[in-house]
Amino acid sequence: QQYSGTVAAGDVISQNPLGGASVSPGTAVNLVVSQGPAPVTVPDVVGQGQASAQTAITGAGLTVGTVTQQYSGTVAAGNVISQSPLGGASVSPGTAINITVSLGPDNGLSLVPNVSGMPLTEAQNVLAGSDLTVGTVTERHSYEPAGTVLAQTPMPGHYLPHGGVVNLVVSLGPQPVTVPNVTGWTPVHAGTVLEVFGFSVGTVTSAHSDTVAAGLIVSQNPAGGAESEAGASVDLVVSLGPDVTEGEGEPEGEGEPEGEGEGEPPVEVTAPSLSGLSLEEAIQALLALGLSVGQTVEESSDEVPAGQIIGQLPEAGTLLTAGDLVNLVVSSGPGDHGCLGCLRDYFGWDWLKKRTGDLFLTGLGILALALLSRGRLG
């Protein structure tokens, strides 16, 4: 047998005579069998600083195992008190060497470790290892995964008496969002509203309905008013109208004559006043008039409660065409927004350019062409 770093233990390294040689029947064939890698001598790191000890362990082809801490009146803080396996032992390469590091003399205090970002169970174990206990656990919504520690009191680096209490703030996961009710709307409008509220359109299917006109949403899942995670998809069912059997209903060719309606002027709509409405109420008001929802942004306000409309563009009273976009500004509640009298400037040219960038000039040109085509300029 022979040690080998390339041939697994128990496999043949070599033979004599070689394979393929011609020999007499009954000739003995000698084999050299691998014992696996040669054993490694564990370095003695007791008394060394933790960093030096870990370097010595990895330099010998071994790995650092569990590092525990323990008070000691004889070994300086930061130095290794003991190790397992002991120095001088022969072990296989890659074996983990566990070490115990001194905390110095026990002064009755425990250093508070940093447990933020850990799962709650792991944080509890880490604190217990420092002779501390978990106190009050406060939960709040966060984009961090549920169960993750968001904050701690006292902060890391402070000292507490042994058995001291560390209070934690733990994530509940993302804040649930109320699903808007989009039944009775067109799929396009429904998709716009769902996107505004942080949802996406899921599977779209169709079904006959005696009560909902063809092309409008019959039902949705989750239903309007239900709570779901932001970003979740909402499945929609679009009406096909009544289930009329073949041959029944309005005779072919009746109804609106072909070509009727072509060339009719666009329907003009006056932009409604949306200030003080909730976002969902504002959207419903716009859709009821045949208008569409444009960009929705949030701005802080000391006067308007969070979630209510504090501005719009175009302004209320502006003459629009059915299908035109109305941009909305929603209050995010009190905050540092500069000056209370600046709300009137939300919809100036600077406001538009700041939020649309290069698209501002393109949009302005398109608007001018549209107005010219309607005879509103020049």
Protein backbone atom coordinates (compact mmCIF):
# COMPACT_ATOMS: atom_id res chain seq x y z
CA GLN A 1 0.00 0.00 0.00
CA GLN A 2 1.04 3.58 -0.63
CA TYR A 3 -0.26 7.08 0.11
CA SER A 4 -1.53 9.00 -2.90
CA GLY A 5 -2.98 12.45 -3.33
CA THR A 6 -4.48 11.55 -6.70
CA VAL A 7 -5.75 7.97 -6.37
CA ALA A 8 -8.66 7.27 -4.00
CA ALA A 9 -8.08 4.95 -1.07
CA GLY A 10 -8.57 1.31 -2.06
CA ASP A 11 -7.89 1.87 -5.77
CA VAL A 12 -4.86 0.39 -7.57
CA ILE A 13 -2.02 2.82 -8.19
CA SER A 14 0.19 0.49 -10.26
CA GLN A 15 0.83 -3.15 -11.16
CA ASN A 16 3.68 -5.43 -12.18
CA PRO A 17 3.74 -6.92 -14.79
CA LEU A 18 1.98 -4.10 -16.65
CA GLY A 19 -1.36 -4.61 -18.25
CA GLY A 20 -1.06 -6.01 -21.77
CA ALA A 21 2.13 -7.99 -21.08
CA SER A 22 2.27 -11.71 -22.13
CA VAL A 23 3.00 -14.02 -19.18
CA SER A 24 2.72 -17.71 -18.32
CA PRO A 25 -0.45 -18.96 -16.69
CA GLY A 26 -0.30 -18.64 -12.89
CA THR A 27 2.16 -15.73 -12.97
CA ALA A 28 1.80 -13.49 -9.91
CA VAL A 29 0.73 -9.87 -10.55
CA ASN A 30 1.87 -7.46 -7.86
CA LEU A 31 -0.36 -4.48 -6.99
CA VAL A 32 0.23 -1.16 -5.26
CA VAL A 33 -3.01 -0.01 -3.58
CA SER A 34 -3.68 3.60 -2.53
CA GLN A 35 -4.18 4.51 1.11
CA GLY A 36 -5.48 7.91 0.09
CA PRO A 37 -3.73 11.19 0.91
CA ALA A 38 -0.88 11.15 3.39
CA PRO A 39 -1.92 12.20 6.90
CA VAL A 40 -1.23 15.74 8.06
CA THR A 41 0.27 16.67 11.40
CA VAL A 42 -1.94 19.08 13.31
CA PRO A 43 -0.02 22.22 14.31
CA ASP A 44 -0.03 23.22 17.96
CA VAL A 45 -1.75 26.62 18.08
CA VAL A 46 -2.48 26.87 21.82
CA GLY A 47 -1.30 30.22 23.14
CA GLN A 48 -1.24 31.84 19.69
CA GLY A 49 -3.46 34.75 18.69
CA GLN A 50 -6.64 33.74 16.89
CA ALA A 51 -5.54 35.12 13.50
CA SER A 52 -2.12 33.42 13.67
CA ALA A 53 -3.71 30.14 14.76
CA GLN A 54 -6.16 30.15 11.87
CA THR A 55 -3.34 30.89 9.40
CA ALA A 56 -1.29 27.98 10.77
CA ILE A 57 -4.25 25.61 10.51
CA THR A 58 -5.08 26.46 6.90
CA GLY A 59 -1.40 26.49 5.97
CA ALA A 60 -1.15 22.84 7.06
CA GLY A 61 -3.92 21.83 4.66
CA LEU A 62 -6.56 21.75 7.38
CA THR A 63 -9.68 23.85 7.97
CA VAL A 64 -10.79 26.00 10.88
CA GLY A 65 -13.78 24.42 12.60
CA THR A 66 -15.88 25.84 15.40
CA VAL A 67 -14.47 28.89 17.18
CA THR A 68 -15.81 29.29 20.71
CA GLN A 69 -15.00 31.92 23.29
CA GLN A 70 -14.34 31.41 26.97
CA TYR A 71 -13.23 33.52 29.90
CA SER A 72 -9.76 32.77 31.22
CA GLY A 73 -7.69 34.18 34.06
CA THR A 74 -4.46 32.74 32.64
CA VAL A 75 -4.67 33.17 28.85
CA ALA A 76 -4.68 36.67 27.38
CA ALA A 77 -7.80 37.79 25.55
CA GLY A 78 -7.69 36.80 21.87
CA ASN A 79 -5.29 33.87 22.34
CA VAL A 80 -6.16 30.20 21.89
CA ILE A 81 -6.91 28.32 25.13
CA SER A 82 -7.36 24.86 23.61
CA GLN A 83 -7.81 23.00 20.35
CA SER A 84 -9.29 19.74 19.07
CA PRO A 85 -7.67 17.58 17.66
CA LEU A 86 -4.57 18.32 19.71
CA GLY A 87 -1.34 19.58 18.19
CA GLY A 88 0.86 16.75 16.87
CA ALA A 89 -2.03 14.45 15.97
CA SER A 90 -2.10 12.88 12.48
CA VAL A 91 -5.30 13.56 10.58
CA SER A 92 -6.55 13.49 7.01
CA PRO A 93 -6.05 16.64 4.91
CA GLY A 94 -9.00 19.04 5.22
CA THR A 95 -9.90 17.96 8.75
CA ALA A 96 -11.59 20.71 10.79
CA ILE A 97 -9.67 21.94 13.84
CA ASN A 98 -11.87 23.44 16.57
CA ILE A 99 -10.38 26.14 18.79
CA THR A 100 -11.39 27.93 21.98
CA VAL A 101 -10.33 31.58 22.21
CA SER A 102 -9.87 33.49 25.46
CA LEU A 103 -12.08 36.43 26.40
CA GLY A 104 -9.67 37.33 29.17
CA PRO A 105 -10.70 37.49 32.83
CA ASP A 106 -14.42 37.39 33.54
CA ASN A 107 -15.41 40.93 34.53
CA GLY A 108 -19.08 40.07 34.68
CA LEU A 109 -19.81 41.75 31.34
CA SER A 110 -20.76 40.37 27.91
CA LEU A 111 -19.97 42.09 24.62
CA VAL A 112 -23.15 42.57 22.58
CA PRO A 113 -22.68 40.90 19.16
CA ASN A 114 -24.15 42.14 15.88
CA VAL A 115 -27.18 39.99 15.03
CA SER A 116 -28.87 42.31 12.50
CA GLY A 117 -29.59 40.53 9.22
CA MET A 118 -29.68 37.10 10.86
CA PRO A 119 -32.75 34.86 11.08
CA LEU A 120 -34.31 35.15 14.54
CA THR A 121 -33.33 31.59 15.53
CA GLU A 122 -29.69 32.18 14.62
CA ALA A 123 -29.69 35.51 16.47
CA GLN A 124 -31.01 33.80 19.60
CA ASN A 125 -28.21 31.21 19.44
CA VAL A 126 -25.53 33.87 18.92
CA LEU A 127 -26.79 35.91 21.87
CA ALA A 128 -26.96 32.80 24.06
CA GLY A 129 -23.34 32.07 23.12
CA SER A 130 -22.44 35.51 24.47
CA ASP A 131 -24.34 34.80 27.71
CA LEU A 132 -27.13 37.19 26.71
CA THR A 133 -30.86 36.67 26.28
CA VAL A 134 -33.48 37.91 23.83
CA GLY A 135 -35.85 40.46 25.34
CA THR A 136 -38.76 42.11 23.55
CA VAL A 137 -39.25 41.07 19.93
CA THR A 138 -41.09 43.77 17.93
CA GLU A 139 -42.38 42.87 14.48
CA ARG A 140 -42.90 45.25 11.57
CA HIS A 141 -43.30 44.98 7.82
CA SER A 142 -40.18 45.18 5.70
CA TYR A 143 -38.88 44.10 2.30
CA GLU A 144 -36.44 41.85 4.18
CA PRO A 145 -37.57 38.20 4.41
CA ALA A 146 -39.96 37.42 7.24
CA GLY A 147 -38.13 36.45 10.42
CA THR A 148 -35.01 38.51 9.67
CA VAL A 149 -33.63 40.71 12.46
CA LEU A 150 -33.86 44.36 11.33
CA ALA A 151 -32.49 46.13 14.41
CA GLN A 152 -31.31 45.52 17.94
CA THR A 153 -31.00 47.40 21.24
CA PRO A 154 -28.37 47.84 22.61
CA MET A 155 -26.26 48.26 19.47
CA PRO A 156 -23.30 45.94 18.79
CA GLY A 157 -20.14 46.80 20.75
CA HIS A 158 -21.89 47.68 24.00
CA TYR A 159 -21.37 45.66 27.17
CA LEU A 160 -24.11 44.14 29.31
CA PRO A 161 -23.99 42.10 32.51
CA HIS A 162 -24.07 38.34 31.91
CA GLY A 163 -27.65 37.34 31.16
CA GLY A 164 -28.46 40.86 29.95
CA VAL A 165 -31.37 41.45 27.59
CA VAL A 166 -31.11 42.45 23.92
CA ASN A 167 -34.34 43.66 22.30
CA LEU A 168 -34.91 42.86 18.63
CA VAL A 169 -36.99 44.18 15.73
CA VAL A 170 -37.94 41.38 13.33
CA SER A 171 -39.37 41.58 9.81
CA LEU A 172 -42.92 40.44 9.03
CA GLY A 173 -42.14 40.54 5.32
CA PRO A 174 -43.61 43.04 2.82
CA GLN A 175 -46.69 45.08 3.80
CA PRO A 176 -49.86 43.54 2.30
CA VAL A 177 -51.55 45.74 -0.31
CA THR A 178 -55.30 45.98 -0.92
CA VAL A 179 -56.21 44.67 -4.37
CA PRO A 180 -58.27 47.25 -6.32
CA ASN A 181 -61.64 46.22 -7.74
CA VAL A 182 -61.34 46.27 -11.56
CA THR A 183 -64.52 44.37 -12.46
CA GLY A 184 -66.56 46.21 -15.06
CA TRP A 185 -63.49 47.85 -16.59
CA THR A 186 -61.70 47.11 -19.84
CA PRO A 187 -58.56 44.96 -19.63
CA VAL A 188 -56.43 47.96 -20.63
CA HIS A 189 -57.80 50.15 -17.85
CA ALA A 190 -57.66 47.25 -15.39
CA GLY A 191 -54.00 46.67 -16.21
CA THR A 192 -53.21 50.36 -15.68
CA VAL A 193 -54.91 50.43 -12.29
CA LEU A 194 -53.29 47.19 -11.13
CA GLU A 195 -49.87 48.52 -12.10
CA VAL A 196 -50.47 51.75 -10.18
CA PHE A 197 -51.23 49.72 -7.05
CA GLY A 198 -48.15 47.55 -7.48
CA PHE A 199 -49.77 44.46 -9.03
CA SER A 200 -49.43 42.80 -12.42
CA VAL A 201 -51.96 41.16 -14.72
CA GLY A 202 -51.85 37.37 -14.45
CA THR A 203 -53.81 34.93 -16.59
CA VAL A 204 -56.53 36.50 -18.76
CA THR A 205 -59.39 34.19 -19.74
CA SER A 206 -62.85 34.79 -21.16
CA ALA A 207 -66.36 33.64 -20.30
CA HIS A 208 -69.92 34.41 -21.34
CA SER A 209 -71.93 36.77 -19.14
CA ASP A 210 -75.55 37.92 -19.24
CA THR A 211 -74.85 40.91 -17.00
CA VAL A 212 -71.45 42.26 -18.07
CA ALA A 213 -70.96 43.69 -21.55
CA ALA A 214 -68.53 41.98 -23.88
CA GLY A 215 -64.96 43.19 -23.45
CA LEU A 216 -65.30 44.17 -19.79
CA ILE A 217 -63.91 42.38 -16.74
CA VAL A 218 -66.38 39.86 -15.27
CA SER A 219 -64.30 38.73 -12.30
CA GLN A 220 -60.81 38.79 -10.84
CA ASN A 221 -58.67 36.68 -8.53
CA PRO A 222 -57.75 37.82 -5.90
CA ALA A 223 -61.01 39.73 -5.56
CA GLY A 224 -61.10 43.47 -5.07
CA GLY A 225 -60.59 44.40 -1.44
CA ALA A 226 -58.48 41.35 -0.64
CA GLU A 227 -54.96 41.83 0.67
CA SER A 228 -51.97 40.43 -1.18
CA GLU A 229 -48.23 40.97 -1.44
CA ALA A 230 -47.04 43.82 -3.65
CA GLY A 231 -46.01 42.51 -7.05
CA ALA A 232 -48.51 39.64 -7.01
CA SER A 233 -50.44 38.90 -10.19
CA VAL A 234 -54.20 39.26 -10.52
CA ASP A 235 -56.03 36.90 -12.88
CA LEU A 236 -58.83 38.41 -14.97
CA VAL A 237 -61.90 36.98 -16.71
CA VAL A 238 -63.18 39.05 -19.66
CA SER A 239 -66.83 38.92 -20.72
CA LEU A 240 -67.80 37.46 -24.11
CA GLY A 241 -71.31 38.82 -23.68
CA PRO A 242 -74.43 36.60 -23.53
CA ASP A 243 -74.12 33.02 -24.72
CA VAL A 244 -76.34 33.27 -27.81
CA THR A 245 -76.97 30.01 -29.67
CA GLU A 246 -76.30 29.95 -33.41
CA GLY A 247 -79.09 31.51 -35.47
CA GLU A 248 -80.53 33.52 -32.58
CA GLY A 249 -80.05 37.17 -31.85
CA GLU A 250 -79.91 40.12 -34.19
CA PRO A 251 -80.03 39.17 -37.88
CA GLU A 252 -76.79 39.54 -39.74
CA GLY A 253 -76.41 42.89 -41.36
CA GLU A 254 -78.61 44.76 -38.88
CA GLY A 255 -77.26 47.23 -36.36
CA GLU A 256 -75.00 50.15 -37.09
CA PRO A 257 -74.53 50.64 -40.84
CA GLU A 258 -71.03 49.98 -42.12
CA GLY A 259 -68.89 53.05 -41.97
CA GLU A 260 -71.19 54.89 -39.57
CA GLY A 261 -69.20 56.81 -37.01
CA GLU A 262 -66.19 57.17 -39.27
CA GLY A 263 -64.94 60.70 -39.47
CA GLU A 264 -66.79 61.80 -36.35
CA PRO A 265 -64.93 64.38 -34.25
CA PRO A 266 -63.25 63.09 -31.07
CA VAL A 267 -65.25 63.27 -27.84
CA GLU A 268 -64.14 66.20 -25.71
CA VAL A 269 -64.00 65.84 -21.93
CA THR A 270 -63.33 68.38 -19.19
CA ALA A 271 -60.68 67.25 -16.72
CA PRO A 272 -62.35 66.75 -13.32
CA SER A 273 -61.01 68.08 -10.03
CA LEU A 274 -59.38 65.16 -8.21
CA SER A 275 -57.84 66.95 -5.22
CA GLY A 276 -58.64 65.27 -1.92
CA LEU A 277 -59.76 62.00 -3.50
CA SER A 278 -58.02 58.72 -2.75
CA LEU A 279 -55.94 57.29 -5.58
CA GLU A 280 -58.53 54.61 -6.34
CA GLU A 281 -61.37 57.17 -6.32
CA ALA A 282 -59.41 59.41 -8.69
CA ILE A 283 -58.75 56.54 -11.08
CA GLN A 284 -62.42 55.56 -11.09
CA ALA A 285 -63.42 59.18 -11.77
CA LEU A 286 -61.04 59.41 -14.74
CA LEU A 287 -62.11 56.09 -16.24
CA ALA A 288 -65.77 57.01 -15.86
CA LEU A 289 -65.13 60.02 -18.13
CA GLY A 290 -63.17 57.98 -20.66
CA LEU A 291 -59.80 59.39 -19.60
CA SER A 292 -56.69 57.36 -18.84
CA VAL A 293 -54.30 57.37 -15.88
CA GLY A 294 -50.83 58.66 -16.71
CA GLN A 295 -47.82 58.88 -14.42
CA THR A 296 -48.44 58.59 -10.67
CA VAL A 297 -45.84 60.03 -8.28
CA GLU A 298 -45.69 60.65 -4.54
CA GLU A 299 -44.86 63.93 -2.82
CA SER A 300 -44.80 64.72 0.89
CA SER A 301 -47.42 67.09 2.29
CA ASP A 302 -48.04 68.49 5.76
CA GLU A 303 -51.64 69.38 4.86
CA VAL A 304 -53.03 66.45 2.86
CA PRO A 305 -53.26 62.97 4.43
CA ALA A 306 -51.21 60.19 2.87
CA GLY A 307 -52.93 58.47 -0.05
CA GLN A 308 -54.98 61.48 -1.20
CA ILE A 309 -54.49 63.43 -4.43
CA ILE A 310 -52.66 66.75 -4.05
CA GLY A 311 -52.22 67.62 -7.70
CA GLN A 312 -52.89 66.66 -11.30
CA LEU A 313 -51.73 67.48 -14.81
CA PRO A 314 -53.60 68.63 -16.88
CA GLU A 315 -55.32 70.77 -14.25
CA ALA A 316 -59.02 70.52 -13.46
CA GLY A 317 -61.16 72.30 -16.06
CA THR A 318 -58.77 71.62 -18.95
CA LEU A 319 -60.54 70.53 -22.14
CA LEU A 320 -59.30 67.05 -23.11
CA THR A 321 -60.13 64.31 -25.58
CA ALA A 322 -61.41 60.91 -24.47
CA GLY A 323 -58.43 58.64 -23.87
CA ASP A 324 -56.04 61.45 -22.88
CA LEU A 325 -53.70 60.84 -19.95
CA VAL A 326 -54.02 62.62 -16.60
CA ASN A 327 -50.94 62.51 -14.37
CA LEU A 328 -51.46 62.36 -10.61
CA VAL A 329 -49.50 63.43 -7.53
CA VAL A 330 -50.38 61.51 -4.36
CA SER A 331 -49.57 62.67 -0.84
CA SER A 332 -47.10 60.50 1.09
CA GLY A 333 -47.90 62.37 4.30
CA PRO A 334 -45.72 64.84 6.23
CA GLY A 335 -42.11 65.13 5.21
CA ASP A 336 -39.32 67.45 4.15
CA HIS A 337 -40.61 68.83 0.86
CA GLY A 338 -38.97 72.25 0.95
CA CYS A 339 -41.79 74.77 1.32
CA LEU A 340 -45.50 74.49 1.91
CA GLY A 341 -46.26 76.99 -0.84
CA CYS A 342 -44.51 75.00 -3.53
CA LEU A 343 -47.45 72.73 -4.33
CA ARG A 344 -48.59 75.10 -7.04
CA ASP A 345 -45.26 74.51 -8.82
CA TYR A 346 -45.63 70.72 -9.06
CA PHE A 347 -46.90 70.87 -12.59
CA GLY A 348 -44.59 73.48 -14.06
CA TRP A 349 -42.20 72.73 -16.93
CA ASP A 350 -39.38 72.04 -14.45
CA TRP A 351 -41.52 69.41 -12.73
CA LEU A 352 -42.20 67.66 -16.03
CA LYS A 353 -38.59 67.82 -17.22
CA LYS A 354 -37.28 66.50 -13.90
CA ARG A 355 -39.51 63.42 -14.08
CA THR A 356 -39.50 62.68 -17.82
CA GLY A 357 -35.99 63.70 -18.90
CA ASP A 358 -35.47 63.60 -22.67
CA LEU A 359 -39.03 62.34 -23.16
CA PHE A 360 -40.25 65.83 -22.16
CA LEU A 361 -39.24 67.47 -25.45
CA THR A 362 -40.58 64.56 -27.49
CA GLY A 363 -43.91 64.67 -25.67
CA LEU A 364 -44.11 68.44 -26.06
CA GLY A 365 -43.65 68.11 -29.81
CA ILE A 366 -46.31 65.43 -30.08
CA LEU A 367 -48.71 67.57 -28.04
CA ALA A 368 -48.13 70.55 -30.33
CA LEU A 369 -48.81 68.45 -33.44
CA ALA A 370 -51.98 67.06 -31.87
CA LEU A 371 -53.26 70.53 -31.02
CA LEU A 372 -52.45 71.80 -34.52
CA SER A 373 -54.40 68.92 -36.04
CA ARG A 374 -57.41 69.95 -33.95
CA GLY A 375 -57.07 73.59 -34.89
CA ARG A 376 -56.16 74.74 -31.38
CA LEU A 377 -52.86 76.39 -32.30
CA GLY A 378 -52.21 79.00 -34.92
